[in-house]
Amino acid sequence: MKKGILFALVWLFALVGFFSFVYAAQIVDVVGKAQIQPASSTSWRSAKVGMKVSIGDKIRTARRSKVRIVLDEQKKSFISIEELTMVILNSTIPDEINKFDLSKGKLYVKVEKVKAGATFEVATPSAIAGVRGTAWSVDSKNDRDIVAVYESKVFVQAFDKNKNLISEVTVPEGFKTIIERFGPPSKLLPLTHEERGSWNKVKKRFLDYLQGFKGAGLDKLGDLADELSDLQDKIEDIQELIEDQNIQKTIEERIRGCQEDSRNGEGDGNSLTEGQYP
C-alpha cells in the first residue's frame, strides 16, 4: 500500500516536467479553514493554494477564514471569499466563470476587461449585482444584502419572493445600497472610512499573495495540486474504511466474548446490546 502511494506521488511530480498546463481559475490564497465541493462530486475537500476551480464548484469558509481566487489568465480579475460564506461558481456564458451564487456571507469582486455583451454578477436570494468592469462587494445576511462599490459603478436589481423584478438602481463608486430581503434597494449611502479601508486591505493582500504565487512558479502546478488532493482524499477514505472495519471487528469480538460468558454463566451485566458501542 505504502509503495503504491509513494509511486503515485513520484509519478505526479514527474508530470510537471513533461506537460504544459492549461490556464484555469485558481485559488491563490487560503486563510484559515475552507472547503471546496467540485461540481462533479458530493464530497467536500480542503481548499488549497494552486487548486483549479470550475463552473459549478461550491466553496465555503469557516470563521476567521478566507479564500482568494484569480479568474483570468492575465491575473487582473479576482474574488475574495470572506469568512462564514457559501458561494457557487457559476456562468452565463460558455467556459467562463462570471456569476457567483451567494447564499450567505460576503464576497469581494474585482474584474477587468469583460467580454463584449457579458457581465459579472453576484446573485443572492433576492438581488443581483452586476458589472462590466469594476470592484465591489456583496454582503448577504439573513434579512438583507449590502452592495458596496469601490471602483466605477454597479447595477443592482431587487426581486420579490416570486422572482419578479421590483426595481433596479445604479450604485456609483464610493457608495452602497441596502436591500432588505425581497424589498427595493435603499437610497444611496456613502461608504465609511472603515469600508474603504477593508477593501484596500483585500486588494493589497491579493496583490501581495499573487506576486509570491507567480514568483514561486506555482501558477503552473494547478493540475498537480488537484491530483495530489484527490490522492489525499482517497487515502483518507481508505483510512476511514480500515478504521470502520477495526471497530466492527472489536464489536464482533466483544459480542462473542459476552456470548461465551453467558453460556459459561459468567455474565457480569455489561453485555453489549443493540445501540451500544465500545
C-alpha atoms as a PDB file:
ATOM      1  CA  MET A   1       0.000   0.000   0.000  1.00  0.00           C
ATOM      2  CA  LYS A   2       2.710   2.463   1.037  1.00  0.00           C
ATOM      3  CA  LYS A   3       4.801   1.578  -2.012  1.00  0.00           C
ATOM      4  CA  GLY A   4       1.799   2.224  -4.255  1.00  0.00           C
ATOM      5  CA  ILE A   5       1.187   5.637  -2.721  1.00  0.00           C
ATOM      6  CA  LEU A   6       4.872   6.563  -2.984  1.00  0.00           C
ATOM      7  CA  PHE A   7       4.924   5.555  -6.636  1.00  0.00           C
ATOM      8  CA  ALA A   8       1.818   7.645  -7.322  1.00  0.00           C
ATOM      9  CA  LEU A   9       3.393  10.705  -5.699  1.00  0.00           C
ATOM     10  CA  VAL A  10       6.617  10.303  -7.668  1.00  0.00           C
ATOM     11  CA  TRP A  11       4.625   9.873 -10.870  1.00  0.00           C
ATOM     12  CA  LEU A  12       2.580  13.014 -10.190  1.00  0.00           C
ATOM     13  CA  PHE A  13       5.653  15.124  -9.549  1.00  0.00           C
ATOM     14  CA  ALA A  14       7.248  13.777 -12.715  1.00  0.00           C
ATOM     15  CA  LEU A  15       4.316  15.091 -14.707  1.00  0.00           C
ATOM     16  CA  VAL A  16       5.457  18.646 -14.040  1.00  0.00           C
ATOM     17  CA  GLY A  17       8.484  18.180 -16.241  1.00  0.00           C
ATOM     18  CA  PHE A  18       6.611  16.679 -19.188  1.00  0.00           C
ATOM     19  CA  PHE A  19       3.309  18.522 -19.522  1.00  0.00           C
ATOM     20  CA  SER A  20       2.340  22.135 -20.089  1.00  0.00           C
ATOM     21  CA  PHE A  21      -0.616  23.311 -18.039  1.00  0.00           C
ATOM     22  CA  VAL A  22      -3.669  24.980 -19.496  1.00  0.00           C
ATOM     23  CA  TYR A  23      -4.786  28.022 -17.511  1.00  0.00           C
ATOM     24  CA  ALA A  24      -7.936  27.916 -15.389  1.00  0.00           C
ATOM     25  CA  ALA A  25      -9.269  29.944 -12.469  1.00  0.00           C
ATOM     26  CA  GLN A  26      -7.126  29.121  -9.438  1.00  0.00           C
ATOM     27  CA  ILE A  27      -7.003  29.540  -5.689  1.00  0.00           C
ATOM     28  CA  VAL A  28      -4.064  31.781  -4.828  1.00  0.00           C
ATOM     29  CA  ASP A  29      -4.600  32.379  -1.105  1.00  0.00           C
ATOM     30  CA  VAL A  30      -6.234  30.461   1.741  1.00  0.00           C
ATOM     31  CA  VAL A  31      -6.509  31.820   5.269  1.00  0.00           C
ATOM     32  CA  GLY A  32      -7.841  29.530   7.995  1.00  0.00           C
ATOM     33  CA  LYS A  33     -10.150  26.698   7.014  1.00  0.00           C
ATOM     34  CA  ALA A  34     -12.032  26.496   3.725  1.00  0.00           C
ATOM     35  CA  GLN A  35     -13.512  23.686   1.670  1.00  0.00           C
ATOM     36  CA  ILE A  36     -14.444  23.110  -1.954  1.00  0.00           C
ATOM     37  CA  GLN A  37     -17.013  20.730  -3.411  1.00  0.00           C
ATOM     38  CA  PRO A  38     -16.336  20.122  -7.113  1.00  0.00           C
ATOM     39  CA  ALA A  39     -19.357  20.162  -9.403  1.00  0.00           C
ATOM     40  CA  SER A  40     -18.725  16.502 -10.211  1.00  0.00           C
ATOM     41  CA  SER A  41     -18.633  15.392  -6.565  1.00  0.00           C
ATOM     42  CA  THR A  42     -20.858  15.205  -3.498  1.00  0.00           C
ATOM     43  CA  SER A  43     -17.979  15.362  -1.009  1.00  0.00           C
ATOM     44  CA  TRP A  44     -16.051  18.320   0.383  1.00  0.00           C
ATOM     45  CA  ARG A  45     -12.266  18.623   0.370  1.00  0.00           C
ATOM     46  CA  SER A  46      -9.865  21.162   1.852  1.00  0.00           C
ATOM     47  CA  ALA A  47      -9.225  24.213  -0.344  1.00  0.00           C
ATOM     48  CA  LYS A  48      -5.521  24.687  -1.063  1.00  0.00           C
ATOM     49  CA  VAL A  49      -3.341  27.180  -2.903  1.00  0.00           C
ATOM     50  CA  GLY A  50      -2.838  26.132  -6.514  1.00  0.00           C
ATOM     51  CA  MET A  51      -6.141  24.298  -6.885  1.00  0.00           C
ATOM     52  CA  LYS A  52      -8.077  24.964 -10.071  1.00  0.00           C
ATOM     53  CA  VAL A  53     -11.775  25.789  -9.763  1.00  0.00           C
ATOM     54  CA  SER A  54     -14.512  25.289 -12.322  1.00  0.00           C
ATOM     55  CA  ILE A  55     -18.093  26.210 -13.126  1.00  0.00           C
ATOM     56  CA  GLY A  56     -20.443  24.589 -10.608  1.00  0.00           C
ATOM     57  CA  ASP A  57     -17.902  24.261  -7.791  1.00  0.00           C
ATOM     58  CA  LYS A  58     -19.053  25.213  -4.287  1.00  0.00           C
ATOM     59  CA  ILE A  59     -16.783  26.931  -1.774  1.00  0.00           C
ATOM     60  CA  ARG A  60     -17.398  27.521   1.916  1.00  0.00           C
ATOM     61  CA  THR A  61     -15.295  29.206   4.577  1.00  0.00           C
ATOM     62  CA  ALA A  62     -15.155  28.823   8.345  1.00  0.00           C
ATOM     63  CA  ARG A  63     -14.918  31.594  10.927  1.00  0.00           C
ATOM     64  CA  ARG A  64     -11.833  33.798  10.503  1.00  0.00           C
ATOM     65  CA  SER A  65     -11.161  32.143   7.144  1.00  0.00           C
ATOM     66  CA  LYS A  66     -10.854  33.490   3.579  1.00  0.00           C
ATOM     67  CA  VAL A  67     -10.157  32.287   0.044  1.00  0.00           C
ATOM     68  CA  ARG A  68      -8.854  34.349  -2.904  1.00  0.00           C
ATOM     69  CA  ILE A  69      -9.317  33.136  -6.470  1.00  0.00           C
ATOM     70  CA  VAL A  70      -7.793  34.608  -9.629  1.00  0.00           C
ATOM     71  CA  LEU A  71     -10.232  34.425 -12.535  1.00  0.00           C
ATOM     72  CA  ASP A  72      -8.349  35.326 -15.698  1.00  0.00           C
ATOM     73  CA  GLU A  73      -5.085  34.416 -17.390  1.00  0.00           C
ATOM     74  CA  GLN A  74      -3.811  37.996 -17.069  1.00  0.00           C
ATOM     75  CA  LYS A  75      -4.495  37.745 -13.319  1.00  0.00           C
ATOM     76  CA  LYS A  76      -6.283  41.088 -13.151  1.00  0.00           C
ATOM     77  CA  SER A  77      -9.661  39.780 -12.011  1.00  0.00           C
ATOM     78  CA  PHE A  78     -10.231  38.043  -8.684  1.00  0.00           C
ATOM     79  CA  ILE A  79     -12.712  37.318  -5.920  1.00  0.00           C
ATOM     80  CA  SER A  80     -12.140  37.266  -2.176  1.00  0.00           C
ATOM     81  CA  ILE A  81     -14.473  34.931  -0.292  1.00  0.00           C
ATOM     82  CA  GLU A  82     -14.731  36.163   3.289  1.00  0.00           C
ATOM     83  CA  GLU A  83     -15.440  34.245   6.493  1.00  0.00           C
ATOM     84  CA  LEU A  84     -18.624  32.202   7.023  1.00  0.00           C
ATOM     85  CA  THR A  85     -19.504  32.351   3.333  1.00  0.00           C
ATOM     86  CA  MET A  86     -21.098  29.865   0.970  1.00  0.00           C
ATOM     87  CA  VAL A  87     -20.816  30.551  -2.776  1.00  0.00           C
ATOM     88  CA  ILE A  88     -21.286  28.609  -6.018  1.00  0.00           C
ATOM     89  CA  LEU A  89     -19.107  29.498  -9.007  1.00  0.00           C
ATOM     90  CA  ASN A  90     -21.396  29.782 -11.995  1.00  0.00           C
ATOM     91  CA  SER A  91     -21.612  31.077 -15.554  1.00  0.00           C
ATOM     92  CA  THR A  92     -23.949  32.787 -18.014  1.00  0.00           C
ATOM     93  CA  ILE A  93     -21.537  32.360 -20.943  1.00  0.00           C
ATOM     94  CA  PRO A  94     -19.690  29.240 -22.155  1.00  0.00           C
ATOM     95  CA  ASP A  95     -16.493  28.160 -20.420  1.00  0.00           C
ATOM     96  CA  GLU A  96     -16.057  31.206 -18.195  1.00  0.00           C
ATOM     97  CA  ILE A  97     -16.860  31.834 -14.542  1.00  0.00           C
ATOM     98  CA  ASN A  98     -18.762  35.127 -14.457  1.00  0.00           C
ATOM     99  CA  LYS A  99     -21.538  34.569 -11.914  1.00  0.00           C
ATOM    100  CA  PHE A 100     -21.391  33.875  -8.180  1.00  0.00           C
ATOM    101  CA  ASP A 101     -24.432  32.499  -6.368  1.00  0.00           C
ATOM    102  CA  LEU A 102     -24.003  33.808  -2.827  1.00  0.00           C
ATOM    103  CA  SER A 103     -26.337  32.118  -0.352  1.00  0.00           C
ATOM    104  CA  LYS A 104     -24.717  33.710   2.698  1.00  0.00           C
ATOM    105  CA  GLY A 105     -21.607  35.620   3.690  1.00  0.00           C
ATOM    106  CA  LYS A 106     -19.524  38.272   1.943  1.00  0.00           C
ATOM    107  CA  LEU A 107     -17.754  38.381  -1.406  1.00  0.00           C
ATOM    108  CA  TYR A 108     -15.338  40.994  -2.803  1.00  0.00           C
ATOM    109  CA  VAL A 109     -15.082  41.097  -6.608  1.00  0.00           C
ATOM    110  CA  LYS A 110     -12.564  42.859  -8.850  1.00  0.00           C
ATOM    111  CA  VAL A 111     -12.981  42.378 -12.615  1.00  0.00           C
ATOM    112  CA  GLU A 112     -11.433  43.941 -15.704  1.00  0.00           C
ATOM    113  CA  LYS A 113     -11.851  43.577 -19.484  1.00  0.00           C
ATOM    114  CA  VAL A 114     -15.133  41.685 -19.530  1.00  0.00           C
ATOM    115  CA  LYS A 115     -16.092  40.210 -22.905  1.00  0.00           C
ATOM    116  CA  ALA A 116     -18.392  42.322 -25.068  1.00  0.00           C
ATOM    117  CA  GLY A 117     -22.031  41.800 -24.109  1.00  0.00           C
ATOM    118  CA  ALA A 118     -21.146  39.904 -20.928  1.00  0.00           C
ATOM    119  CA  THR A 119     -21.351  40.916 -17.279  1.00  0.00           C
ATOM    120  CA  PHE A 120     -20.046  39.666 -13.950  1.00  0.00           C
ATOM    121  CA  GLU A 121     -22.817  39.060 -11.430  1.00  0.00           C
ATOM    122  CA  VAL A 122     -23.263  38.226  -7.765  1.00  0.00           C
ATOM    123  CA  ALA A 123     -26.686  36.745  -7.059  1.00  0.00           C
ATOM    124  CA  THR A 124     -28.249  36.476  -3.579  1.00  0.00           C
ATOM    125  CA  PRO A 125     -31.662  35.014  -2.685  1.00  0.00           C
ATOM    126  CA  SER A 126     -33.337  38.329  -3.566  1.00  0.00           C
ATOM    127  CA  ALA A 127     -30.902  40.528  -5.527  1.00  0.00           C
ATOM    128  CA  ILE A 128     -28.380  40.614  -8.368  1.00  0.00           C
ATOM    129  CA  ALA A 129     -25.411  42.985  -8.539  1.00  0.00           C
ATOM    130  CA  GLY A 130     -23.570  43.095 -11.838  1.00  0.00           C
ATOM    131  CA  VAL A 131     -20.913  44.998 -13.762  1.00  0.00           C
ATOM    132  CA  ARG A 132     -18.832  45.077 -16.907  1.00  0.00           C
ATOM    133  CA  GLY A 133     -15.626  46.009 -15.089  1.00  0.00           C
ATOM    134  CA  THR A 134     -15.235  47.359 -11.567  1.00  0.00           C
ATOM    135  CA  ALA A 135     -14.648  46.458  -7.904  1.00  0.00           C
ATOM    136  CA  TRP A 136     -17.424  45.860  -5.421  1.00  0.00           C
ATOM    137  CA  SER A 137     -18.618  43.671  -2.562  1.00  0.00           C
ATOM    138  CA  VAL A 138     -21.860  41.936  -1.663  1.00  0.00           C
ATOM    139  CA  ASP A 139     -22.612  41.082   1.958  1.00  0.00           C
ATOM    140  CA  SER A 140     -25.603  38.727   2.184  1.00  0.00           C
ATOM    141  CA  LYS A 141     -27.233  38.353   5.603  1.00  0.00           C
ATOM    142  CA  ASN A 142     -30.401  36.562   6.696  1.00  0.00           C
ATOM    143  CA  ASP A 143     -32.654  39.567   6.188  1.00  0.00           C
ATOM    144  CA  ARG A 144     -30.787  41.878   3.794  1.00  0.00           C
ATOM    145  CA  ASP A 145     -27.975  42.400   1.293  1.00  0.00           C
ATOM    146  CA  ILE A 146     -25.425  45.213   1.243  1.00  0.00           C
ATOM    147  CA  VAL A 147     -23.816  46.153  -2.084  1.00  0.00           C
ATOM    148  CA  ALA A 148     -20.779  48.465  -1.806  1.00  0.00           C
ATOM    149  CA  VAL A 149     -18.893  49.891  -4.806  1.00  0.00           C
ATOM    150  CA  TYR A 150     -15.185  50.764  -4.667  1.00  0.00           C
ATOM    151  CA  GLU A 151     -14.427  51.425  -8.337  1.00  0.00           C
ATOM    152  CA  SER A 152     -16.614  52.506 -11.303  1.00  0.00           C
ATOM    153  CA  LYS A 153     -20.305  51.546 -10.860  1.00  0.00           C
ATOM    154  CA  VAL A 154     -22.602  48.550 -10.329  1.00  0.00           C
ATOM    155  CA  PHE A 155     -26.204  47.884 -11.286  1.00  0.00           C
ATOM    156  CA  VAL A 156     -28.372  46.304  -8.594  1.00  0.00           C
ATOM    157  CA  GLN A 157     -31.657  44.513  -9.235  1.00  0.00           C
ATOM    158  CA  ALA A 158     -34.038  43.630  -6.395  1.00  0.00           C
ATOM    159  CA  PHE A 159     -36.607  40.820  -6.638  1.00  0.00           C
ATOM    160  CA  ASP A 160     -39.653  39.717  -4.623  1.00  0.00           C
ATOM    161  CA  LYS A 161     -40.346  36.204  -3.329  1.00  0.00           C
ATOM    162  CA  ASN A 162     -41.680  35.157  -6.740  1.00  0.00           C
ATOM    163  CA  LYS A 163     -38.508  36.333  -8.517  1.00  0.00           C
ATOM    164  CA  ASN A 164     -40.317  39.323 -10.029  1.00  0.00           C
ATOM    165  CA  LEU A 165     -38.145  42.409 -10.549  1.00  0.00           C
ATOM    166  CA  ILE A 166     -39.065  45.148  -8.065  1.00  0.00           C
ATOM    167  CA  SER A 167     -36.625  47.838  -9.132  1.00  0.00           C
ATOM    168  CA  GLU A 168     -33.101  48.483 -10.404  1.00  0.00           C
ATOM    169  CA  VAL A 169     -30.598  51.089  -9.286  1.00  0.00           C
ATOM    170  CA  THR A 170     -27.068  52.047 -10.347  1.00  0.00           C
ATOM    171  CA  VAL A 171     -24.609  52.435  -7.466  1.00  0.00           C
ATOM    172  CA  PRO A 172     -21.628  54.685  -8.275  1.00  0.00           C
ATOM    173  CA  GLU A 173     -18.110  54.476  -6.884  1.00  0.00           C
ATOM    174  CA  GLY A 174     -17.886  55.373  -3.200  1.00  0.00           C
ATOM    175  CA  PHE A 175     -21.480  54.441  -2.351  1.00  0.00           C
ATOM    176  CA  LYS A 176     -23.540  51.480  -1.183  1.00  0.00           C
ATOM    177  CA  THR A 177     -27.164  50.390  -1.061  1.00  0.00           C
ATOM    178  CA  ILE A 178     -29.007  48.115   1.366  1.00  0.00           C
ATOM    179  CA  ILE A 179     -31.655  45.723   0.046  1.00  0.00           C
ATOM    180  CA  GLU A 180     -33.978  44.333   2.683  1.00  0.00           C
ATOM    181  CA  ARG A 181     -34.901  40.740   1.842  1.00  0.00           C
ATOM    182  CA  PHE A 182     -37.396  40.811  -1.047  1.00  0.00           C
ATOM    183  CA  GLY A 183     -37.634  44.602  -0.838  1.00  0.00           C
ATOM    184  CA  PRO A 184     -36.374  47.515  -3.001  1.00  0.00           C
ATOM    185  CA  PRO A 185     -32.843  48.977  -2.758  1.00  0.00           C
ATOM    186  CA  SER A 186     -32.373  51.771  -0.222  1.00  0.00           C
ATOM    187  CA  LYS A 187     -31.200  55.265  -1.067  1.00  0.00           C
ATOM    188  CA  LEU A 188     -27.502  55.565  -1.822  1.00  0.00           C
ATOM    189  CA  LEU A 189     -25.259  55.819   1.231  1.00  0.00           C
ATOM    190  CA  PRO A 190     -21.590  56.916   1.223  1.00  0.00           C
ATOM    191  CA  LEU A 191     -19.013  54.301   2.143  1.00  0.00           C
ATOM    192  CA  THR A 192     -17.443  54.705   5.563  1.00  0.00           C
ATOM    193  CA  HIS A 193     -13.721  55.076   6.122  1.00  0.00           C
ATOM    194  CA  GLU A 194     -13.680  51.555   7.570  1.00  0.00           C
ATOM    195  CA  GLU A 195     -15.362  50.083   4.480  1.00  0.00           C
ATOM    196  CA  ARG A 196     -12.869  51.746   2.157  1.00  0.00           C
ATOM    197  CA  GLY A 197     -10.029  50.557   4.370  1.00  0.00           C
ATOM    198  CA  SER A 198     -11.305  46.963   4.312  1.00  0.00           C
ATOM    199  CA  TRP A 199     -11.323  46.967   0.507  1.00  0.00           C
ATOM    200  CA  ASN A 200      -7.805  48.407   0.343  1.00  0.00           C
ATOM    201  CA  LYS A 201      -6.578  45.622   2.634  1.00  0.00           C
ATOM    202  CA  VAL A 202      -8.259  42.951   0.498  1.00  0.00           C
ATOM    203  CA  LYS A 203      -6.768  44.383  -2.690  1.00  0.00           C
ATOM    204  CA  LYS A 204      -3.273  44.745  -1.212  1.00  0.00           C
ATOM    205  CA  ARG A 205      -3.275  41.247   0.260  1.00  0.00           C
ATOM    206  CA  PHE A 206      -4.363  39.782  -3.054  1.00  0.00           C
ATOM    207  CA  LEU A 207      -1.616  41.596  -4.945  1.00  0.00           C
ATOM    208  CA  ASP A 208       0.980  40.554  -2.361  1.00  0.00           C
ATOM    209  CA  TYR A 209      -0.025  36.908  -2.467  1.00  0.00           C
ATOM    210  CA  LEU A 210      -0.319  36.951  -6.233  1.00  0.00           C
ATOM    211  CA  GLN A 211       3.230  38.241  -6.545  1.00  0.00           C
ATOM    212  CA  GLY A 212       4.526  35.434  -4.340  1.00  0.00           C
ATOM    213  CA  PHE A 213       2.347  32.926  -6.183  1.00  0.00           C
ATOM    214  CA  LYS A 214       3.818  33.882  -9.552  1.00  0.00           C
ATOM    215  CA  GLY A 215       7.343  34.240  -8.230  1.00  0.00           C
ATOM    216  CA  ALA A 216       7.293  30.710  -6.859  1.00  0.00           C
ATOM    217  CA  GLY A 217       6.088  29.339 -10.175  1.00  0.00           C
ATOM    218  CA  LEU A 218       3.019  27.837  -8.518  1.00  0.00           C
ATOM    219  CA  ASP A 219       0.725  29.055 -11.274  1.00  0.00           C
ATOM    220  CA  LYS A 220       1.940  26.037 -13.293  1.00  0.00           C
ATOM    221  CA  LEU A 221       1.080  23.481 -10.635  1.00  0.00           C
ATOM    222  CA  GLY A 222      -2.707  23.653 -10.531  1.00  0.00           C
ATOM    223  CA  ASP A 223      -3.241  20.256 -12.111  1.00  0.00           C
ATOM    224  CA  LEU A 224      -0.659  18.706  -9.814  1.00  0.00           C
ATOM    225  CA  ALA A 225      -2.353  20.193  -6.755  1.00  0.00           C
ATOM    226  CA  ASP A 226      -5.690  18.755  -7.878  1.00  0.00           C
ATOM    227  CA  GLU A 227      -4.168  15.300  -8.415  1.00  0.00           C
ATOM    228  CA  LEU A 228      -2.438  15.355  -5.042  1.00  0.00           C
ATOM    229  CA  SER A 229      -5.644  16.493  -3.358  1.00  0.00           C
ATOM    230  CA  ASP A 230      -7.581  13.667  -4.992  1.00  0.00           C
ATOM    231  CA  LEU A 231      -4.922  11.197  -3.861  1.00  0.00           C
ATOM    232  CA  GLN A 232      -5.066  12.536  -0.317  1.00  0.00           C
ATOM    233  CA  ASP A 233      -8.864  12.210  -0.295  1.00  0.00           C
ATOM    234  CA  LYS A 234      -8.575   8.590  -1.452  1.00  0.00           C
ATOM    235  CA  ILE A 235      -6.016   7.859   1.267  1.00  0.00           C
ATOM    236  CA  GLU A 236      -8.344   9.372   3.874  1.00  0.00           C
ATOM    237  CA  ASP A 237     -11.225   7.272   2.554  1.00  0.00           C
ATOM    238  CA  ILE A 238      -9.104   4.127   2.866  1.00  0.00           C
ATOM    239  CA  GLN A 239      -8.075   5.090   6.396  1.00  0.00           C
ATOM    240  CA  GLU A 240     -11.738   5.613   7.356  1.00  0.00           C
ATOM    241  CA  LEU A 241     -12.634   2.230   5.860  1.00  0.00           C
ATOM    242  CA  ILE A 242      -9.868   0.498   7.820  1.00  0.00           C
ATOM    243  CA  GLU A 243     -10.983   2.254  10.998  1.00  0.00           C
ATOM    244  CA  ASP A 244     -14.609   1.195  10.438  1.00  0.00           C
ATOM    245  CA  GLN A 245     -13.503  -2.385   9.858  1.00  0.00           C
ATOM    246  CA  ASN A 246     -11.446  -2.355  13.064  1.00  0.00           C
ATOM    247  CA  ILE A 247     -14.411  -1.013  15.031  1.00  0.00           C
ATOM    248  CA  GLN A 248     -16.681  -3.675  13.566  1.00  0.00           C
ATOM    249  CA  LYS A 249     -14.133  -6.360  14.395  1.00  0.00           C
ATOM    250  CA  THR A 250     -13.900  -5.132  18.002  1.00  0.00           C
ATOM    251  CA  ILE A 251     -17.682  -5.161  18.347  1.00  0.00           C
ATOM    252  CA  GLU A 252     -17.918  -8.705  16.980  1.00  0.00           C
ATOM    253  CA  GLU A 253     -15.160  -9.918  19.307  1.00  0.00           C
ATOM    254  CA  ARG A 254     -16.849  -8.387  22.346  1.00  0.00           C
ATOM    255  CA  ILE A 255     -20.207  -9.837  21.361  1.00  0.00           C
ATOM    256  CA  ARG A 256     -18.645 -13.294  21.029  1.00  0.00           C
ATOM    257  CA  GLY A 257     -16.960 -12.846  24.384  1.00  0.00           C
ATOM    258  CA  CYS A 258     -20.219 -11.858  26.046  1.00  0.00           C
ATOM    259  CA  GLN A 259     -21.995 -14.815  24.468  1.00  0.00           C
ATOM    260  CA  GLU A 260     -19.321 -17.208  25.743  1.00  0.00           C
ATOM    261  CA  ASP A 261     -19.505 -15.678  29.229  1.00  0.00           C
ATOM    262  CA  SER A 262     -23.271 -16.085  29.153  1.00  0.00           C
ATOM    263  CA  ARG A 263     -23.015 -19.732  28.164  1.00  0.00           C
ATOM    264  CA  ASN A 264     -20.458 -20.294  30.915  1.00  0.00           C
ATOM    265  CA  GLY A 265     -22.601 -18.468  33.461  1.00  0.00           C
ATOM    266  CA  GLU A 266     -20.064 -15.666  33.865  1.00  0.00           C
ATOM    267  CA  GLY A 267     -22.151 -12.735  32.659  1.00  0.00           C
ATOM    268  CA  ASP A 268     -21.406  -9.503  34.515  1.00  0.00           C
ATOM    269  CA  GLY A 269     -24.451  -7.488  33.437  1.00  0.00           C
ATOM    270  CA  ASN A 270     -22.403  -5.431  30.971  1.00  0.00           C
ATOM    271  CA  SER A 271     -23.012  -7.432  27.815  1.00  0.00           C
ATOM    272  CA  LEU A 272     -23.493  -5.469  24.615  1.00  0.00           C
ATOM    273  CA  THR A 273     -26.980  -4.756  23.348  1.00  0.00           C
ATOM    274  CA  GLU A 274     -28.105  -3.116  20.167  1.00  0.00           C
ATOM    275  CA  GLY A 275     -27.205   0.580  20.087  1.00  0.00           C
ATOM    276  CA  GLN A 276     -24.209   0.312  22.416  1.00  0.00           C
ATOM    277  CA  TYR A 277     -20.630   0.687  21.272  1.00  0.00           C
ATOM    278  CA  PRO A 278     -17.240   0.081  22.872  1.00  0.00           C
END
